[in-house]
Each structure stands twice: as structure tokens, then as C-alpha cells.
Amino acid sequence: MPWKYLEEEAIADIGISVEAETIEELLRDACLSIANLMTKVEELDGKEERELTFEASSIETLLYKIMDEMVYLKDAELFFIKDVEIKVEGTNAEVRFVGGLFDRDVHMIGNDIKAITLHDFYVKKLENKWIAHFIIDI
């Protein structure tokens, strides 16, 4: 064969695993895990907020929609998230994103997250904790 795959040459995905005692903590920590990849969240002023309602058919879909919105806000508005408040009822959620507008002169760009993938994406409730696993495309 006239080519070879250079698997170590370019890494385009990051896998993340999150554990928490409650579903709200799990969703919040999952969101913060990707927020911290995008920039140094401690440098964001926290003056901007976005309040959104999400409806989903499952907890997995709910988490996906919330994180996908974070990627959209980054790309469309340069709104980077520093903190997240989430209230879950069934498979729906009220979410408040707190953050700031990205300024190249002030903030460091981290990983440019392109998408949340559905490959190996899951949320599970175990006896005494919730776990989530997902892969992001960078």
C-alpha cells in the first residue's frame, strides 16, 4: 500500500468521563469539563449570562443538547462559559450559563471544540452515583 496512517500525528478527539452524586452535578461538571478545555475560565469576567430551557427525550439527549449549545455560543457569539447552573426535571432542564465574551487580547484560546460526538456517548445511573462518558471533536 502506498500510504500509512500516522495515528500519533494528529489527535482530533478528547474523551471525557464524569462522575457525580446527582444528575444536576453530573450535567454541570460535564459542561465545566468542556468549558475548561476552551479557555482559562478563571480569566472570564462572568458579566454575561444566557438562560435557556432544554427539552429532551432522554438524559443523554439532554446532556448532548446542553453541551452542543455551549459550542454554538462559542462559535456564534464568542460567549465562553465560566459557570453553569442547572435545574433538571425529568429529561428537561433550565440552564443558566455564566461567562464572558472572548477577547483575544485578554483570553487564551484552548482547544477549539468543533462538536460533541455521539460515538460512545452515555449517561448511566449506578447505585450511588451518575456517570457520563463522551468524546469531543477538536
C-alpha atoms as a PDB file:
ATOM      1  CA  MET A   1       0.000   0.000   0.000  1.00  0.00           C
ATOM      2  CA  PRO A   2       1.437   3.435  -0.944  1.00  0.00           C
ATOM      3  CA  TRP A   3       0.394   5.227   2.270  1.00  0.00           C
ATOM      4  CA  LYS A   4       0.466   4.801   6.009  1.00  0.00           C
ATOM      5  CA  TYR A   5      -1.738   6.190   8.706  1.00  0.00           C
ATOM      6  CA  LEU A   6       0.025   8.456  11.172  1.00  0.00           C
ATOM      7  CA  GLU A   7      -2.115   7.895  14.244  1.00  0.00           C
ATOM      8  CA  GLU A   8       0.122   9.920  16.545  1.00  0.00           C
ATOM      9  CA  GLU A   9       0.475  12.809  14.076  1.00  0.00           C
ATOM     10  CA  ALA A  10      -2.851  14.497  14.771  1.00  0.00           C
ATOM     11  CA  ILE A  11      -5.188  13.898  17.639  1.00  0.00           C
ATOM     12  CA  ALA A  12      -8.691  15.112  16.822  1.00  0.00           C
ATOM     13  CA  ASP A  13     -10.738  13.804  19.753  1.00  0.00           C
ATOM     14  CA  ILE A  14     -10.740  14.050  23.517  1.00  0.00           C
ATOM     15  CA  GLY A  15     -12.599  11.524  25.643  1.00  0.00           C
ATOM     16  CA  ILE A  16     -14.114  12.682  28.938  1.00  0.00           C
ATOM     17  CA  SER A  17     -15.573  10.723  31.843  1.00  0.00           C
ATOM     18  CA  VAL A  18     -17.534  12.454  34.615  1.00  0.00           C
ATOM     19  CA  GLU A  19     -18.891  11.113  37.928  1.00  0.00           C
ATOM     20  CA  ALA A  20     -21.267  12.831  40.350  1.00  0.00           C
ATOM     21  CA  GLU A  21     -23.781  12.082  43.096  1.00  0.00           C
ATOM     22  CA  THR A  22     -26.727  13.872  41.450  1.00  0.00           C
ATOM     23  CA  ILE A  23     -27.850  14.367  37.872  1.00  0.00           C
ATOM     24  CA  GLU A  24     -27.552  18.163  38.242  1.00  0.00           C
ATOM     25  CA  GLU A  25     -23.942  17.837  39.424  1.00  0.00           C
ATOM     26  CA  LEU A  26     -23.189  15.438  36.581  1.00  0.00           C
ATOM     27  CA  LEU A  27     -24.556  17.766  33.897  1.00  0.00           C
ATOM     28  CA  ARG A  28     -22.840  20.804  35.437  1.00  0.00           C
ATOM     29  CA  ASP A  29     -19.485  19.032  35.751  1.00  0.00           C
ATOM     30  CA  ALA A  30     -19.734  17.715  32.184  1.00  0.00           C
ATOM     31  CA  CYS A  31     -20.316  21.269  30.953  1.00  0.00           C
ATOM     32  CA  LEU A  32     -17.450  22.633  33.028  1.00  0.00           C
ATOM     33  CA  SER A  33     -15.155  19.908  31.713  1.00  0.00           C
ATOM     34  CA  ILE A  34     -15.516  21.242  28.171  1.00  0.00           C
ATOM     35  CA  ALA A  35     -15.587  24.905  29.255  1.00  0.00           C
ATOM     36  CA  ASN A  36     -12.152  24.416  30.823  1.00  0.00           C
ATOM     37  CA  LEU A  37     -10.836  22.955  27.577  1.00  0.00           C
ATOM     38  CA  MET A  38     -11.978  26.013  25.598  1.00  0.00           C
ATOM     39  CA  THR A  39     -10.189  28.681  27.662  1.00  0.00           C
ATOM     40  CA  LYS A  40      -8.935  29.548  31.143  1.00  0.00           C
ATOM     41  CA  VAL A  41     -12.350  30.061  32.704  1.00  0.00           C
ATOM     42  CA  GLU A  42     -10.917  31.918  35.695  1.00  0.00           C
ATOM     43  CA  GLU A  43      -9.989  34.754  33.312  1.00  0.00           C
ATOM     44  CA  LEU A  44     -13.608  35.286  32.175  1.00  0.00           C
ATOM     45  CA  ASP A  45     -15.332  38.213  33.889  1.00  0.00           C
ATOM     46  CA  GLY A  46     -18.669  36.440  34.488  1.00  0.00           C
ATOM     47  CA  LYS A  47     -20.636  39.549  33.452  1.00  0.00           C
ATOM     48  CA  GLU A  48     -22.586  37.831  30.655  1.00  0.00           C
ATOM     49  CA  GLU A  49     -25.389  35.320  31.192  1.00  0.00           C
ATOM     50  CA  ARG A  50     -27.611  33.192  28.997  1.00  0.00           C
ATOM     51  CA  GLU A  51     -30.724  31.470  30.393  1.00  0.00           C
ATOM     52  CA  LEU A  52     -32.109  28.637  28.289  1.00  0.00           C
ATOM     53  CA  THR A  53     -34.656  25.843  28.519  1.00  0.00           C
ATOM     54  CA  PHE A  54     -33.865  22.425  27.106  1.00  0.00           C
ATOM     55  CA  GLU A  55     -36.335  19.642  26.362  1.00  0.00           C
ATOM     56  CA  ALA A  56     -35.178  16.147  25.528  1.00  0.00           C
ATOM     57  CA  SER A  57     -36.394  12.579  25.241  1.00  0.00           C
ATOM     58  CA  SER A  58     -33.615  11.177  27.466  1.00  0.00           C
ATOM     59  CA  ILE A  59     -30.932  12.300  29.900  1.00  0.00           C
ATOM     60  CA  GLU A  60     -28.278  11.509  27.265  1.00  0.00           C
ATOM     61  CA  THR A  61     -30.013  13.758  24.748  1.00  0.00           C
ATOM     62  CA  LEU A  62     -30.381  16.475  27.388  1.00  0.00           C
ATOM     63  CA  LEU A  63     -26.658  16.470  28.155  1.00  0.00           C
ATOM     64  CA  TYR A  64     -25.846  16.453  24.446  1.00  0.00           C
ATOM     65  CA  LYS A  65     -28.130  19.430  23.749  1.00  0.00           C
ATOM     66  CA  ILE A  66     -26.707  21.487  26.617  1.00  0.00           C
ATOM     67  CA  MET A  67     -23.080  20.885  25.614  1.00  0.00           C
ATOM     68  CA  ASP A  68     -23.890  21.406  21.931  1.00  0.00           C
ATOM     69  CA  GLU A  69     -25.368  24.815  22.840  1.00  0.00           C
ATOM     70  CA  MET A  70     -22.105  25.702  24.586  1.00  0.00           C
ATOM     71  CA  VAL A  71     -20.205  25.014  21.367  1.00  0.00           C
ATOM     72  CA  TYR A  72     -22.755  27.077  19.415  1.00  0.00           C
ATOM     73  CA  LEU A  73     -22.470  30.041  21.815  1.00  0.00           C
ATOM     74  CA  LYS A  74     -18.678  29.928  21.491  1.00  0.00           C
ATOM     75  CA  ASP A  75     -18.802  29.882  17.704  1.00  0.00           C
ATOM     76  CA  ALA A  76     -21.730  32.249  17.085  1.00  0.00           C
ATOM     77  CA  GLU A  77     -21.306  34.833  19.844  1.00  0.00           C
ATOM     78  CA  LEU A  78     -17.772  34.276  21.203  1.00  0.00           C
ATOM     79  CA  PHE A  79     -19.534  33.646  24.523  1.00  0.00           C
ATOM     80  CA  PHE A  80     -17.345  31.431  26.689  1.00  0.00           C
ATOM     81  CA  ILE A  81     -18.777  29.806  29.808  1.00  0.00           C
ATOM     82  CA  LYS A  82     -17.283  30.087  33.267  1.00  0.00           C
ATOM     83  CA  ASP A  83     -20.047  28.517  35.347  1.00  0.00           C
ATOM     84  CA  VAL A  84     -23.336  26.688  34.844  1.00  0.00           C
ATOM     85  CA  GLU A  85     -26.456  26.349  36.975  1.00  0.00           C
ATOM     86  CA  ILE A  86     -28.801  23.516  36.015  1.00  0.00           C
ATOM     87  CA  LYS A  87     -32.223  22.529  37.336  1.00  0.00           C
ATOM     88  CA  VAL A  88     -33.433  19.200  35.976  1.00  0.00           C
ATOM     89  CA  GLU A  89     -36.987  17.938  35.890  1.00  0.00           C
ATOM     90  CA  GLY A  90     -37.280  14.558  34.211  1.00  0.00           C
ATOM     91  CA  THR A  91     -35.474  14.937  30.890  1.00  0.00           C
ATOM     92  CA  ASN A  92     -35.870  18.731  30.712  1.00  0.00           C
ATOM     93  CA  ALA A  93     -33.686  21.442  32.208  1.00  0.00           C
ATOM     94  CA  GLU A  94     -33.479  25.133  32.985  1.00  0.00           C
ATOM     95  CA  VAL A  95     -29.883  26.239  32.432  1.00  0.00           C
ATOM     96  CA  ARG A  96     -28.081  29.455  33.268  1.00  0.00           C
ATOM     97  CA  PHE A  97     -24.691  29.901  31.625  1.00  0.00           C
ATOM     98  CA  VAL A  98     -22.406  32.499  33.228  1.00  0.00           C
ATOM     99  CA  GLY A  99     -19.331  33.684  31.375  1.00  0.00           C
ATOM    100  CA  GLY A 100     -17.938  36.380  29.182  1.00  0.00           C
ATOM    101  CA  LEU A 101     -17.249  37.431  25.647  1.00  0.00           C
ATOM    102  CA  PHE A 102     -13.918  36.223  24.365  1.00  0.00           C
ATOM    103  CA  ASP A 103     -11.270  38.913  23.836  1.00  0.00           C
ATOM    104  CA  ARG A 104      -8.114  37.791  22.034  1.00  0.00           C
ATOM    105  CA  ASP A 105      -6.095  40.450  23.841  1.00  0.00           C
ATOM    106  CA  VAL A 106      -7.119  39.124  27.258  1.00  0.00           C
ATOM    107  CA  HIS A 107      -8.083  35.447  26.995  1.00  0.00           C
ATOM    108  CA  MET A 108      -6.193  32.360  25.947  1.00  0.00           C
ATOM    109  CA  ILE A 109      -7.804  30.111  23.363  1.00  0.00           C
ATOM    110  CA  GLY A 110      -7.670  26.481  24.374  1.00  0.00           C
ATOM    111  CA  ASN A 111      -8.990  23.588  22.347  1.00  0.00           C
ATOM    112  CA  ASP A 112     -11.354  24.697  19.618  1.00  0.00           C
ATOM    113  CA  ILE A 113     -14.174  22.230  20.162  1.00  0.00           C
ATOM    114  CA  LYS A 114     -15.856  21.515  16.845  1.00  0.00           C
ATOM    115  CA  ALA A 115     -18.565  19.149  18.063  1.00  0.00           C
ATOM    116  CA  ILE A 116     -19.810  16.816  20.747  1.00  0.00           C
ATOM    117  CA  THR A 117     -19.879  13.393  19.147  1.00  0.00           C
ATOM    118  CA  LEU A 118     -22.412  10.656  19.788  1.00  0.00           C
ATOM    119  CA  HIS A 119     -19.753   7.952  19.481  1.00  0.00           C
ATOM    120  CA  ASP A 120     -19.529   6.116  22.807  1.00  0.00           C
ATOM    121  CA  PHE A 121     -21.778   8.752  24.436  1.00  0.00           C
ATOM    122  CA  TYR A 122     -23.650   7.617  27.524  1.00  0.00           C
ATOM    123  CA  VAL A 123     -25.102   8.653  30.865  1.00  0.00           C
ATOM    124  CA  LYS A 124     -25.758   5.970  33.477  1.00  0.00           C
ATOM    125  CA  LYS A 125     -27.219   5.878  36.959  1.00  0.00           C
ATOM    126  CA  LEU A 126     -25.395   3.426  39.199  1.00  0.00           C
ATOM    127  CA  GLU A 127     -26.263   2.571  42.809  1.00  0.00           C
ATOM    128  CA  ASN A 128     -24.816   5.686  44.412  1.00  0.00           C
ATOM    129  CA  LYS A 129     -23.620   7.852  41.532  1.00  0.00           C
ATOM    130  CA  TRP A 130     -24.183   9.060  37.998  1.00  0.00           C
ATOM    131  CA  ILE A 131     -21.566   8.666  35.277  1.00  0.00           C
ATOM    132  CA  ALA A 132     -21.226  10.189  31.829  1.00  0.00           C
ATOM    133  CA  HIS A 133     -18.799   9.420  29.043  1.00  0.00           C
ATOM    134  CA  PHE A 134     -18.439  11.363  25.816  1.00  0.00           C
ATOM    135  CA  ILE A 135     -15.969  12.268  23.115  1.00  0.00           C
ATOM    136  CA  ILE A 136     -15.468  15.738  21.715  1.00  0.00           C
ATOM    137  CA  ASP A 137     -14.117  16.565  18.273  1.00  0.00           C
ATOM    138  CA  ILE A 138     -11.399  19.232  18.318  1.00  0.00           C
END
